Protein backbone atom coordinates (compact mmCIF):
# COMPACT_ATOMS: atom_id res chain seq x y z
CA GLY A 1 151.35 114.13 -80.00
CA VAL A 2 154.56 112.42 -81.18
CA LEU A 3 156.01 109.60 -79.13
CA PRO A 4 159.48 110.36 -77.76
CA PHE A 5 162.34 107.91 -78.01
CA THR A 6 162.81 106.54 -74.52
CA HIS A 7 165.45 104.42 -72.82
CA ALA A 8 163.78 104.18 -69.42
CA THR A 9 163.29 100.41 -69.34
CA ARG A 10 163.11 97.58 -71.82
CA ASN A 11 159.31 97.50 -71.55
CA SER A 12 158.85 101.18 -72.29
CA MET A 13 161.16 101.66 -75.28
CA THR A 14 159.33 103.13 -78.26
CA TRP A 15 160.16 105.17 -81.35
CA SER A 16 158.42 107.97 -83.21
CA GLU A 17 158.34 108.93 -86.88
CA SER A 18 161.05 111.53 -86.31
CA ASP A 19 163.45 108.85 -85.05
CA TRP A 20 163.44 107.27 -88.52
CA ASP A 21 163.67 110.54 -90.44
CA LYS A 22 167.29 109.89 -91.32
CA PRO A 23 169.31 108.35 -94.17
CA GLY A 24 168.69 104.66 -94.77
CA TYR A 25 165.13 104.62 -93.43
CA ASN A 26 161.66 105.41 -94.73
CA PRO A 27 160.33 108.15 -92.43
CA LYS A 28 156.76 107.39 -93.49
CA ASN A 29 156.74 103.88 -92.08
CA GLY A 30 159.91 103.55 -90.00
CA LYS A 31 161.26 100.69 -92.09
CA VAL A 32 164.92 100.26 -92.96
CA ARG A 33 165.81 100.41 -96.67
CA ALA A 34 168.84 98.13 -96.69
CA LEU A 35 170.01 94.69 -95.62
CA PHE A 36 173.41 93.87 -97.14
CA ARG A 37 174.23 97.30 -98.55
CA TRP A 38 173.01 100.85 -98.00
CA GLU A 39 171.37 102.56 -100.95
CA ASP A 40 173.64 104.40 -103.38
CA THR A 41 176.82 102.92 -101.96
CA SER A 42 179.37 100.76 -103.72
CA SER A 43 179.76 97.06 -103.13
CA GLY A 44 181.79 96.31 -100.01
CA THR A 45 180.84 99.54 -98.21
CA LEU A 46 179.78 98.50 -94.73
CA PHE A 47 179.00 101.88 -93.17
CA HIS A 48 176.52 104.52 -94.27
CA PRO A 49 178.43 107.51 -95.68
CA THR A 50 176.26 110.00 -93.77
CA SER A 51 175.25 108.35 -90.51
CA GLY A 52 178.20 105.97 -90.17
CA GLN A 53 175.78 103.17 -89.26
CA ILE A 54 176.82 99.63 -90.18
CA VAL A 55 174.69 97.65 -92.64
CA PRO A 56 171.70 95.95 -90.95
CA ILE A 57 172.90 92.41 -91.70
CA LEU A 58 175.97 92.99 -89.49
CA SER A 59 174.10 94.82 -86.75
CA PHE A 60 172.08 93.61 -83.77
CA ALA A 61 170.52 96.99 -83.05
CA ARG A 62 166.84 97.32 -82.24
CA PRO A 63 164.36 97.19 -83.70
CA HIS A 64 165.11 96.24 -87.32
CA SER A 65 168.32 94.21 -87.22
CA ARG A 66 167.45 92.47 -83.98
CA ALA A 67 164.07 91.40 -85.35
CA PHE A 68 165.76 90.07 -88.50
CA HIS A 69 168.32 87.98 -86.63
CA PHE A 70 165.84 86.63 -84.10
CA ALA A 71 163.45 85.83 -86.96
CA TRP A 72 165.82 83.65 -88.97
CA PHE A 73 167.50 82.03 -85.95
CA ASN A 74 164.14 81.17 -84.35
CA PHE A 75 163.07 79.45 -87.56
CA PHE A 76 166.49 77.78 -87.87
CA MET A 77 166.22 76.25 -84.38
CA CYS A 78 162.58 75.25 -84.92
CA PHE A 79 163.64 73.48 -88.12
CA ILE A 80 166.36 71.62 -86.19
CA MET A 81 163.85 70.49 -83.56
CA TRP A 82 161.39 69.53 -86.29
CA PHE A 83 163.94 67.20 -87.94
CA ALA A 84 165.93 66.34 -84.78
CA ILE A 85 164.79 62.73 -84.69
CA ALA A 86 165.56 61.98 -88.36
CA PRO A 87 169.33 61.36 -87.96
CA VAL A 88 168.72 58.95 -85.07
CA MET A 89 165.62 57.23 -86.43
CA THR A 90 167.58 54.00 -86.96
CA GLN A 91 168.17 53.97 -83.20
CA VAL A 92 164.55 54.81 -82.39
CA LYS A 93 163.45 51.84 -84.51
CA LYS A 94 165.54 49.44 -82.40
CA PRO A 95 163.61 47.35 -79.83
CA LYS A 96 163.49 48.32 -76.18
CA CYS A 97 166.25 46.85 -74.04
CA LEU A 98 165.76 44.23 -71.37
CA ALA A 99 167.48 44.23 -68.00
CA ALA A 100 170.85 42.51 -67.96
CA ASP A 101 169.60 40.09 -65.26
CA SER A 102 166.38 39.21 -67.10
CA ASP A 103 165.79 35.56 -68.01
CA VAL A 104 166.27 36.31 -71.72
CA CYS A 105 169.61 38.06 -71.25
CA VAL A 106 170.89 35.42 -68.84
CA LYS A 107 170.14 32.74 -71.42
CA CYS A 108 171.73 34.80 -74.22
CA LYS A 109 174.97 35.08 -72.24
CA VAL A 110 175.04 31.31 -72.20
CA ASP A 111 174.30 31.05 -75.94
CA PHE A 112 176.85 33.74 -76.88
CA PRO A 113 179.53 33.52 -74.16
CA ASN A 114 182.24 35.36 -76.09
CA ASP A 115 180.19 38.44 -77.00
CA ASN A 116 181.20 41.93 -75.87
CA TYR A 117 177.94 43.42 -74.53
CA ARG A 118 179.40 46.92 -74.52
CA PHE A 119 180.31 46.83 -78.21
CA ALA A 120 179.29 50.20 -79.63
CA ARG A 121 180.93 50.53 -83.04
CA ASP A 122 178.77 50.70 -86.15
CA ASP A 123 181.40 49.30 -88.55
CA LYS A 124 182.75 45.79 -89.00
CA GLY A 125 185.14 46.05 -86.07
CA ASP A 126 188.65 44.63 -85.88
CA LYS A 127 190.46 41.75 -84.25
CA ASP A 128 190.39 43.50 -80.88
CA ASN A 129 186.77 44.63 -81.10
CA VAL A 130 184.77 41.89 -82.79
CA PRO A 131 181.04 42.62 -83.33
CA PRO A 132 178.88 40.43 -81.07
CA LEU A 133 176.94 37.72 -82.89
CA GLY A 134 174.01 37.82 -80.49
CA ALA A 135 173.35 41.51 -81.19
CA LYS A 136 171.60 40.57 -84.44
CA ASP A 137 169.68 37.64 -83.01
CA LYS A 138 165.98 38.59 -82.92
CA THR A 139 165.65 37.44 -79.32
CA CYS A 140 169.01 38.37 -77.85
CA MET A 141 169.41 41.76 -79.55
CA LYS A 142 167.39 43.25 -76.67
CA CYS A 143 170.36 42.61 -74.40
CA TYR A 144 172.91 44.73 -76.32
CA PRO A 145 172.24 48.38 -75.35
CA PHE A 146 175.45 49.79 -76.89
CA ASP A 147 175.51 48.22 -80.35
CA GLY A 148 174.73 51.01 -82.82
CA ARG A 149 174.86 48.95 -86.03
CA LYS A 150 171.80 48.86 -88.25
CA GLY A 151 169.65 45.86 -87.37
CA ALA A 152 171.64 45.15 -84.23
CA GLY A 153 171.27 45.95 -80.55
CA CYS A 154 168.51 47.75 -78.68
CA GLY A 155 167.74 51.06 -77.02
CA GLY A 156 164.91 52.41 -79.14
CA VAL A 157 161.13 52.44 -79.00
CA GLY A 158 160.59 49.54 -81.38
CA LEU A 159 159.07 51.40 -84.34
CA THR A 160 158.54 49.56 -87.60
CA GLY A 161 159.53 51.15 -90.91
CA ASP A 162 155.91 52.03 -91.73
CA GLN A 163 155.38 53.52 -88.27
CA ALA A 164 158.42 55.75 -88.72
CA LYS A 165 157.07 56.97 -92.08
CA ASN A 166 153.64 57.58 -90.58
CA SER A 167 155.10 59.69 -87.79
CA THR A 168 156.89 61.83 -90.38
CA MET A 169 153.66 62.37 -92.34
CA VAL A 170 151.86 63.36 -89.15
CA ALA A 171 154.62 65.84 -88.27
CA ILE A 172 154.11 67.59 -91.61
CA SER A 173 150.32 67.75 -91.17
CA GLY A 174 150.64 69.45 -87.79
CA THR A 175 152.59 72.26 -89.41
CA ILE A 176 149.92 72.77 -92.08
CA ILE A 177 147.22 73.44 -89.49
CA LEU A 178 149.10 76.06 -87.51
CA ARG A 179 150.69 77.74 -90.55
CA ILE A 180 147.19 78.54 -91.79
CA LEU A 181 146.15 80.03 -88.46
CA ILE A 182 149.26 81.71 -87.08
CA GLY A 183 149.48 84.55 -89.58
CA ALA A 184 145.96 85.64 -88.71
CA ILE A 185 146.69 85.28 -84.98
CA SER A 186 149.73 87.56 -85.28
CA ASP A 187 147.56 90.10 -87.08
CA GLY A 188 145.47 90.18 -83.94
CA ILE A 189 148.04 90.21 -81.10
CA GLY A 190 151.36 91.08 -82.77
CA ILE A 191 154.34 89.05 -83.93
CA ARG A 192 156.41 89.28 -80.73
CA ILE A 193 153.78 87.77 -78.43
CA THR A 194 152.79 85.16 -81.02
CA PHE A 195 156.41 84.10 -81.48
CA THR A 196 156.98 83.96 -77.73
CA ILE A 197 153.97 81.70 -77.20
CA LEU A 198 154.91 79.44 -80.12
CA LEU A 199 158.51 78.96 -78.99
CA ILE A 200 157.80 78.37 -75.31
CA LEU A 201 154.85 76.03 -75.85
CA GLY A 202 156.55 74.36 -78.85
CA ALA A 203 159.53 73.41 -76.70
CA ILE A 204 157.33 71.28 -74.42
CA PRO A 205 156.60 68.43 -76.88
CA GLY A 206 160.25 68.66 -77.96
CA PHE A 207 161.34 67.84 -74.41
CA LEU A 208 158.70 65.11 -74.09
CA LEU A 209 159.80 63.42 -77.33
CA ALA A 210 163.13 62.73 -75.65
CA ALA A 211 161.19 60.69 -73.09
CA ALA A 212 158.76 58.98 -75.51
CA ASN A 213 158.50 55.23 -75.10
CA SER A 214 155.86 54.11 -77.60
CA TYR A 215 154.74 54.55 -81.19
CA ILE A 216 151.67 56.53 -80.13
CA ALA A 217 153.74 58.89 -78.00
CA VAL A 218 156.30 59.47 -80.77
CA THR A 219 153.61 60.15 -83.36
CA LEU A 220 151.56 62.47 -81.17
CA LEU A 221 154.59 64.45 -80.04
CA ARG A 222 155.94 64.77 -83.58
CA PHE A 223 152.53 66.14 -84.59
CA LEU A 224 152.79 68.78 -81.86
CA ILE A 225 156.44 69.52 -82.66
CA GLY A 226 155.33 70.15 -86.22
CA PHE A 227 153.56 73.28 -84.99
CA ALA A 228 157.03 74.84 -84.60
CA GLY A 229 157.29 74.81 -88.39
CA ALA A 230 154.75 77.63 -88.36
CA SER A 231 157.58 79.87 -87.18
CA PHE A 232 158.33 80.33 -90.87
CA VAL A 233 155.19 82.45 -91.29
CA LEU A 234 156.14 84.68 -88.36
CA THR A 235 159.66 85.02 -89.77
CA GLN A 236 158.27 86.34 -93.05
CA LEU A 237 155.82 88.69 -91.36
CA TRP A 238 158.50 90.13 -89.09
CA THR A 239 160.87 90.97 -91.93
CA THR A 240 157.97 92.37 -93.94
CA THR A 241 157.20 94.64 -91.01
CA MET A 242 160.77 95.87 -90.55
CA PHE A 243 162.13 96.18 -94.12
CA ASP A 244 160.94 98.63 -96.75
CA LEU A 245 159.53 97.73 -100.14
CA ASN A 246 162.84 98.09 -101.97
CA VAL A 247 164.48 95.29 -99.94
CA VAL A 248 161.57 93.27 -98.53
CA GLY A 249 162.12 90.58 -101.15
CA ILE A 250 165.72 89.83 -100.25
CA ALA A 251 165.04 90.32 -96.52
CA ASN A 252 162.21 87.77 -96.56
CA ALA A 253 164.17 85.37 -98.73
CA THR A 254 167.36 85.57 -96.65
CA SER A 255 165.61 85.05 -93.31
CA ALA A 256 163.70 82.07 -94.70
CA GLY A 257 166.70 80.60 -96.51
CA TRP A 258 168.94 80.77 -93.46
CA GLY A 259 166.14 79.30 -91.38
CA ASN A 260 165.68 76.43 -93.84
CA LEU A 261 169.32 75.52 -93.32
CA GLY A 262 168.18 74.09 -90.00
CA GLY A 263 166.94 70.99 -91.82
CA GLY A 264 170.38 70.22 -93.22
CA VAL A 265 172.20 71.26 -90.07
CA ALA A 266 169.99 68.92 -88.05
CA GLN A 267 171.24 66.01 -90.15
CA LEU A 268 174.90 66.95 -89.66
CA LEU A 269 174.88 68.34 -86.12
CA ASN A 270 172.57 65.82 -84.48
CA GLY A 271 174.43 62.99 -86.15
CA ALA A 272 177.70 64.36 -84.76
CA ILE A 273 176.20 64.80 -81.27
CA PHE A 274 174.94 61.22 -81.24
CA ASN A 275 178.30 59.85 -82.38
CA SER A 276 180.13 61.94 -79.78
CA LEU A 277 177.91 60.60 -77.01
CA LYS A 278 178.48 57.02 -78.14
CA MET A 279 182.24 57.56 -78.22
CA ASN A 280 182.05 58.80 -74.63
CA GLY A 281 180.35 55.66 -73.36
CA TRP A 282 176.64 56.39 -73.67
CA ASP A 283 174.31 53.58 -74.67
CA ASN A 284 171.90 53.90 -77.64
CA ASN A 285 168.90 54.83 -75.51
CA GLY A 286 170.57 57.69 -73.66
CA ALA A 287 172.44 58.99 -76.71
CA TRP A 288 169.44 59.39 -79.02
CA ARG A 289 167.30 60.97 -76.30
CA ILE A 290 169.92 63.63 -75.48
CA THR A 291 170.38 64.26 -79.20
CA VAL A 292 166.66 64.95 -79.57
CA GLY A 293 166.35 66.92 -76.32
CA TRP A 294 168.93 69.73 -76.68
CA SER A 295 167.17 71.81 -79.36
CA PRO A 296 163.92 72.41 -77.42
CA ALA A 297 166.03 73.77 -74.55
CA VAL A 298 167.48 76.39 -76.89
CA ILE A 299 164.03 77.16 -78.30
CA PHE A 300 162.59 77.74 -74.83
CA VAL A 301 165.35 80.26 -74.08
CA LEU A 302 164.73 81.96 -77.42
CA GLY A 303 161.06 82.36 -76.52
CA VAL A 304 161.98 84.24 -73.35
CA LEU A 305 164.52 86.41 -75.19
CA VAL A 306 162.04 87.31 -77.93
CA PHE A 307 159.63 88.60 -75.30
CA LEU A 308 162.28 90.60 -73.44
CA LEU A 309 164.50 91.95 -76.20
CA THR A 310 162.53 92.46 -79.42
CA ASP A 311 159.85 94.71 -80.89
CA ASP A 312 156.69 94.21 -82.92
CA CYS A 313 157.36 96.97 -85.43
CA PRO A 314 159.67 99.95 -86.08
CA TYR A 315 157.76 102.02 -83.50
CA GLY A 316 157.93 99.50 -80.66
CA ASN A 317 155.43 97.01 -79.31
CA PHE A 318 151.73 97.27 -79.90
CA LYS A 319 150.83 97.21 -76.20
CA GLU A 320 153.43 99.84 -75.29
CA LEU A 321 152.24 102.14 -78.05
CA LYS A 322 148.70 101.91 -76.72
CA ASN A 323 149.86 102.64 -73.18
CA LYS A 324 151.40 105.92 -74.37
CA GLN A 325 148.06 107.27 -75.45
CA SER A 326 145.85 109.61 -73.48
CA SER A 327 142.41 108.44 -72.41
CA ALA A 328 140.78 110.41 -75.22
CA ASP A 329 143.16 108.93 -77.76
CA LYS A 330 142.49 105.42 -76.48
CA ALA A 331 138.75 105.92 -76.85
CA ALA A 332 139.23 107.15 -80.40
CA THR A 333 141.51 104.23 -81.23
CA GLU A 334 139.10 101.68 -79.79
CA ALA A 335 136.36 103.12 -81.94
CA GLU A 336 138.59 102.84 -85.00
CA VAL A 337 139.57 99.26 -84.14
CA LEU A 338 135.91 98.31 -83.81
CA LYS A 339 135.30 99.64 -87.29
CA THR A 340 138.15 97.56 -88.72
CA GLY A 341 137.42 94.25 -87.04
CA GLY A 342 137.21 94.55 -83.25
CA GLU A 343 139.25 92.71 -80.65
CA PRO A 344 142.38 90.73 -81.51
CA GLY A 345 140.47 87.46 -81.93
CA THR A 346 138.04 89.10 -84.32
CA VAL A 347 140.87 90.76 -86.24
CA ALA A 348 142.63 87.40 -86.59
CA ALA A 349 139.47 85.69 -87.80
CA LYS A 350 138.79 88.50 -90.25
CA SER A 351 142.34 88.28 -91.63
CA LEU A 352 142.09 84.53 -92.16
CA ILE A 353 138.61 84.63 -93.69
CA GLU A 354 139.54 87.48 -96.02
CA ALA A 355 142.66 85.65 -97.16
CA ALA A 356 140.96 82.28 -97.59
CA SER A 357 138.12 83.77 -99.62
CA SER A 358 140.51 85.26 -102.20
CA TRP A 359 141.50 83.09 -105.16
CA GLN A 360 144.75 85.08 -105.41
CA THR A 361 145.81 83.61 -102.05
CA TRP A 362 145.44 80.10 -103.42
CA VAL A 363 147.60 80.90 -106.44
CA MET A 364 150.36 81.79 -103.98
CA PHE A 365 149.53 78.59 -102.09
CA LEU A 366 150.19 76.56 -105.26
CA CYS A 367 153.44 78.37 -106.10
CA TYR A 368 154.79 77.57 -102.64
CA MET A 369 153.33 74.08 -102.72
CA PHE A 370 155.49 73.15 -105.71
CA SER A 371 158.63 74.91 -104.46
CA PHE A 372 159.07 74.56 -100.69
CA GLY A 373 156.91 71.44 -100.74
CA VAL A 374 159.36 69.86 -103.18
CA GLU A 375 162.27 70.92 -100.96
CA LEU A 376 160.75 69.07 -98.00
CA ILE A 377 160.28 66.00 -100.18
CA VAL A 378 163.91 66.17 -101.26
CA ASN A 379 165.03 66.23 -97.62
CA GLY A 380 163.35 62.88 -97.07
CA ASN A 381 163.67 61.14 -100.44
CA ILE A 382 166.67 62.30 -102.44
CA VAL A 383 169.19 59.88 -100.93
CA THR A 384 166.92 56.88 -101.47
CA TYR A 385 166.17 58.18 -104.98
CA PHE A 386 169.86 58.24 -105.86
CA VAL A 387 170.44 54.79 -104.37
CA GLU A 388 167.50 53.23 -106.24
CA THR A 389 167.80 55.06 -109.57
CA PHE A 390 171.57 55.47 -109.89
CA ASP A 391 172.80 52.53 -107.78
CA MET A 392 174.90 54.92 -105.69
CA PRO A 393 176.51 53.95 -102.39
CA GLN A 394 174.79 55.50 -99.37
CA THR A 395 177.69 57.83 -98.56
CA LYS A 396 177.99 59.16 -102.11
CA ALA A 397 174.22 59.63 -102.38
CA SER A 398 174.17 61.59 -99.11
CA THR A 399 177.03 63.82 -100.23
CA ILE A 400 175.45 64.73 -103.57
CA GLY A 401 172.00 65.07 -102.01
CA SER A 402 173.27 67.53 -99.39
CA VAL A 403 174.04 70.05 -102.16
CA PHE A 404 170.31 70.77 -102.53
CA GLY A 405 169.95 71.92 -98.92
CA LEU A 406 173.16 73.94 -98.94
CA LEU A 407 171.78 76.11 -101.76
CA ASN A 408 169.60 77.76 -99.10
CA ILE A 409 172.65 79.74 -98.02
CA CYS A 410 172.33 82.09 -100.97
CA MET A 411 169.84 81.08 -103.68
CA ARG A 412 166.64 81.88 -101.81
CA SER A 413 168.10 85.31 -101.08
CA PHE A 414 168.95 85.66 -104.77
CA GLY A 415 165.31 84.93 -105.63
CA GLY A 416 164.24 87.79 -103.38
CA PHE A 417 166.97 90.01 -104.82
CA TRP A 418 165.77 89.20 -108.35
CA SER A 419 162.26 90.23 -107.32
CA ASP A 420 163.53 93.45 -105.72
CA GLN A 421 165.45 94.36 -108.89
CA TYR A 422 162.37 93.81 -111.06
CA ASN A 423 160.39 95.92 -108.60
CA THR A 424 162.94 98.75 -108.94
CA ARG A 425 162.99 98.63 -112.74
CA PHE A 426 159.38 97.76 -113.61
CA GLY A 427 157.32 98.56 -110.53
CA ILE A 428 155.50 96.15 -108.26
CA THR A 429 154.15 94.16 -111.22
CA GLY A 430 157.78 93.30 -111.93
CA ARG A 431 157.63 91.01 -108.90
CA LEU A 432 154.97 88.97 -110.72
CA HIS A 433 157.22 88.64 -113.76
CA ALA A 434 160.07 87.42 -111.52
CA LEU A 435 157.79 84.87 -109.84
CA PHE A 436 156.47 83.58 -113.17
CA GLN A 437 159.92 83.18 -114.69
CA GLN A 438 161.42 81.44 -111.67
CA THR A 439 158.45 79.10 -111.14
CA PHE A 440 158.31 78.08 -114.80
CA ILE A 441 162.05 77.40 -115.04
CA MET A 442 161.93 75.48 -111.76
CA GLY A 443 159.16 73.22 -113.10
CA VAL A 444 160.96 72.51 -116.38
CA ALA A 445 164.21 71.82 -114.51
CA LEU A 446 162.44 69.33 -112.23
CA ILE A 447 160.87 67.53 -115.19
CA VAL A 448 164.31 67.23 -116.83
CA PHE A 449 165.84 66.01 -113.56
CA SER A 450 163.18 63.30 -113.23
CA THR A 451 164.18 61.81 -116.59
CA LEU A 452 167.80 61.19 -115.58
CA ASN A 453 169.03 57.73 -114.68
CA LYS A 454 172.29 55.79 -114.62
CA ASP A 455 171.97 54.96 -118.32
CA ASN A 456 171.58 58.50 -119.68
CA SER A 457 173.53 60.64 -117.22
CA THR A 458 176.91 60.76 -115.54
CA ASP A 459 177.36 61.79 -111.92
CA GLY A 460 178.58 65.17 -113.11
CA GLY A 461 175.49 65.71 -115.26
CA LEU A 462 173.27 64.64 -112.38
CA LEU A 463 174.98 67.10 -110.03
CA LEU A 464 174.64 70.00 -112.50
CA SER A 465 170.95 69.22 -113.02
CA LEU A 466 170.40 69.02 -109.26
CA ILE A 467 172.11 72.37 -108.68
CA PHE A 468 170.15 74.09 -111.46
CA TRP A 469 166.82 72.72 -110.29
CA GLY A 470 167.60 73.31 -106.62
CA ALA A 471 168.72 76.88 -107.28
CA PHE A 472 165.45 77.79 -108.98
CA THR A 473 163.45 75.98 -106.31
CA ASN A 474 165.03 78.19 -103.66
CA MET A 475 164.66 81.31 -105.80
CA THR A 476 160.96 80.61 -106.34
CA GLU A 477 160.45 80.35 -102.60
CA GLY A 478 162.02 83.78 -102.17
CA ALA A 479 160.06 85.32 -105.04
CA THR A 480 156.76 83.91 -103.71
CA PHE A 481 157.02 85.69 -100.38
CA ALA A 482 158.17 88.86 -102.10
CA VAL A 483 154.68 88.98 -103.65
CA VAL A 484 152.67 87.84 -100.59
CA PRO A 485 152.47 91.30 -98.90
CA TYR A 486 150.67 92.75 -101.95
CA VAL A 487 147.98 90.10 -102.43
CA ILE A 488 145.63 91.43 -99.73
CA PRO A 489 147.30 94.36 -97.93
CA THR A 490 144.66 94.26 -95.17
CA ALA A 491 145.25 90.57 -94.43
CA VAL A 492 148.98 89.98 -94.86
CA GLY A 493 149.09 87.53 -91.95
CA GLY A 494 146.26 85.43 -93.32
CA VAL A 495 147.81 85.27 -96.79
CA ALA A 496 151.25 84.43 -95.41
CA GLY A 497 149.82 81.66 -93.24
CA ILE A 498 147.90 79.96 -96.04
CA THR A 499 150.80 80.34 -98.48
CA GLY A 500 153.23 78.85 -95.96
CA ALA A 501 150.91 75.90 -95.39
CA GLY A 502 151.09 75.21 -99.11
CA GLY A 503 154.69 74.04 -98.74
CA ASN A 504 153.76 71.35 -96.27
CA MET A 505 150.75 70.33 -98.34
CA GLY A 506 153.14 69.81 -101.26
CA ALA A 507 155.28 67.55 -99.08
CA LEU A 508 152.21 65.50 -98.14
CA LEU A 509 151.21 65.25 -101.79
CA GLY A 510 154.67 64.07 -102.84
CA ASN A 511 154.91 61.43 -100.12
CA ALA A 512 151.39 60.24 -100.96
CA LEU A 513 152.39 59.91 -104.62
CA VAL A 514 155.36 57.73 -103.65
CA ILE A 515 153.02 55.40 -101.76
CA VAL A 516 150.37 55.33 -104.51
CA LEU A 517 152.89 54.81 -107.32
CA LYS A 518 154.87 52.18 -105.45
CA GLY A 519 154.47 48.90 -107.29
CA ASN A 520 152.56 50.58 -110.14
CA ALA A 521 155.34 52.61 -111.68
CA GLY A 522 156.37 50.13 -114.35
CA PRO A 523 160.07 50.34 -115.20
CA LYS A 524 160.48 53.67 -113.40
CA PRO A 525 160.85 54.02 -109.60
CA SER A 526 157.90 55.66 -107.86
CA ARG A 527 160.05 58.60 -106.74
CA ASN A 528 161.05 59.20 -110.36
CA LEU A 529 157.42 59.62 -111.42
CA MET A 530 156.65 61.63 -108.31
CA PHE A 531 159.30 64.22 -109.20
CA CYS A 532 157.99 64.34 -112.78
CA ALA A 533 154.40 64.91 -111.60
CA LEU A 534 155.47 67.69 -109.25
CA GLY A 535 157.45 69.31 -112.06
CA TRP A 536 154.32 69.52 -114.22
CA GLY A 537 152.45 70.86 -111.20
CA ALA A 538 155.02 73.64 -110.89
CA VAL A 539 154.63 74.54 -114.57
CA ALA A 540 150.85 74.66 -114.12
CA SER A 541 151.15 76.95 -111.09
CA ALA A 542 153.43 79.25 -113.09
CA MET A 543 150.72 79.59 -115.74
CA LEU A 544 148.37 80.99 -113.11
CA VAL A 545 150.73 83.84 -112.14
CA PRO A 546 149.85 86.02 -115.19
CA CYS A 547 146.22 85.89 -114.01
CA LEU A 548 147.14 87.13 -110.53
CA TRP A 549 145.56 90.55 -109.84
CA LEU A 550 147.03 92.67 -107.05
CA PRO A 551 144.64 95.28 -105.56
CA GLY A 552 145.54 98.79 -106.69
CA ILE A 553 148.51 97.48 -108.67
CA GLY A 554 147.29 95.23 -111.46
CA SER A 555 148.67 92.09 -113.09
CA MET A 556 151.65 91.13 -115.21
CA PHE A 557 150.17 92.64 -118.38
CA ARG A 558 147.65 95.18 -117.16
CA LYS A 559 147.99 98.05 -114.72
CA ALA A 560 145.22 98.83 -112.26
CA ASP A 561 142.90 101.73 -113.14
CA THR A 562 144.24 104.65 -111.10
CA THR A 563 141.14 106.76 -111.64
CA GLN A 564 139.36 107.09 -108.31
CA PRO A 565 136.00 108.72 -107.45
CA ASP A 566 136.10 112.13 -105.78
CA ALA A 567 136.82 111.96 -102.06
CA PRO A 568 134.63 113.80 -99.52
CA ALA A 569 135.56 117.44 -99.12
CA GLU A 570 136.96 116.98 -95.62
CA GLN A 571 139.33 114.25 -96.89
CA LYS A 572 140.66 115.95 -100.03
CA ASP A 573 143.24 118.06 -98.23
CA ALA A 574 144.02 115.55 -95.49
CA ALA A 575 147.61 114.34 -95.47
CA PRO A 576 147.99 110.60 -95.94
CA THR A 577 148.73 108.68 -92.78
CA PRO A 578 152.04 106.84 -92.48
CA SER A 579 150.26 103.51 -92.83
CA GLN A 580 148.72 104.62 -96.11
CA MET A 581 152.16 105.43 -97.51
CA ALA A 582 153.96 102.48 -96.00
CA GLY A 583 152.92 99.75 -98.38
CA PRO A 584 151.28 96.53 -97.21
CA GLN A 585 151.84 95.59 -93.58
CA PRO A 586 150.36 93.22 -91.00
CA ILE A 587 147.22 94.61 -89.36
CA PHE A 588 148.76 95.09 -85.92
CA VAL A 589 151.32 97.49 -87.43
CA GLN A 590 148.70 99.62 -89.11
CA GLN A 591 146.59 100.00 -86.01
CA PRO A 592 149.17 101.78 -83.78
CA MET A 593 150.04 104.11 -86.63
CA MET A 594 146.39 105.08 -86.98
CA MET A 595 146.33 106.14 -83.35
CA PRO A 596 145.58 109.82 -82.88
CA GLY A 597 148.72 111.86 -82.34
CA TYR A 598 151.06 109.69 -84.43
């Protein structure tokens, strides 16, 4: 009745409980109990003292380590594609170019006979490379395809400033929709297949954006590209499935934090790619389109690799586990599945409905709304905020603002680690204490940050405030998803999806506040008041955490009643199934482990 470990082919590899009955793993659920360091080993020890196995973070072995690395890198690349157009938006806003032999361009050559039409530099030039005067003429600028200076040349789609902002808002809204749904979908068909579909289909609008030639096309495609942001939910579910309760906090936080780095890397890497193309003779039109088009190519390949090389859970893939059953076992399993929700579509719907109908889910939604939502706002507003409020030069503002994103390297992981440590010392309710503390401090830090200006703060004080606030913002994100698996253990996917959507809803709220407050903010810039309002929102969400009740666990200040009614006689002596002793898991993981013979 126990599945053997098999190496026959990639599509038949599965594991049994006995395969994980070894040091470093939980034999009752197959999950690994370490990420950076094995239990009971000293800092810096890379190999398990008994098995000799390297720590999971430095391994690419299936199924645990491989799932972890695919999870964060998938999200990382999706984040890059999501923000790929941002570094080249100034080029996209340029007007479309006219043919060199068009009537307009022929006339412009007469009006500006000394202009270099292949001028490509974005600085003031020198005596040997003088910027062309006609490149900034409203009529003739359409004849200068290489000039990359702001307000000069052509090669874009012709977006206005408001149209560019609208397309960004639409991109965020697309993510909200799919983040709500995708967790429940993965509960029905498994993470591997869901991730494969998302990556392969998500790459299509990414490719098409590189060919977009109108405002409508850019906006529609950015909306569809936004769906790739839902990869965050799958990343969290996958690490929850593979890592045991003692390390799930830091595993979730690290995979998400490294994935979030994609937003900052997109700014640096895509900017460098565009500049490299221009230096090698490409015009504006070709350079920005190639810059936007490379990331979906990588994402498409990742989708294929996820399908071929990864696993749904520590025991293999859901479909393969079912194929190993006998006919009698399959009939018994189908009967059990019908009792718990039916076919995959029904299971997904049940997961989403169950999550959405629980007020606890919406508390998590708010916590993430005022943490990751604020981070998304920072990505799009912090530089302008520094320029307007502190009169900083653009370069200096960008340098200081980049610190916030770089904190993802470690601080989100530290938030998960904090939660794991509280879980070890105080039990699962300790995770609620960690979430409350981090959320409250984050809110207060944001309120303090919003009061700073050039008259009451130096650049050093501003930087320290930014680091402190940013650190707790990242930690809160990690602590939030360390609690998510316990909110509704039977609908982890649904809860994760709704919680993840909260981050994007926070970004929409913040951008809407900037628009509403613009012109009505009195002596303070609209972004200043927006940050202050979001800080108070974070404090309010923290005050809801003590009310959060986790089924079978309790709340911050009250344990759940462990007294249970007598079980039927035939169940009293029955050994608990692995899924019952595994802690909360996505539905598709529980189902294979309830199969007869496991």
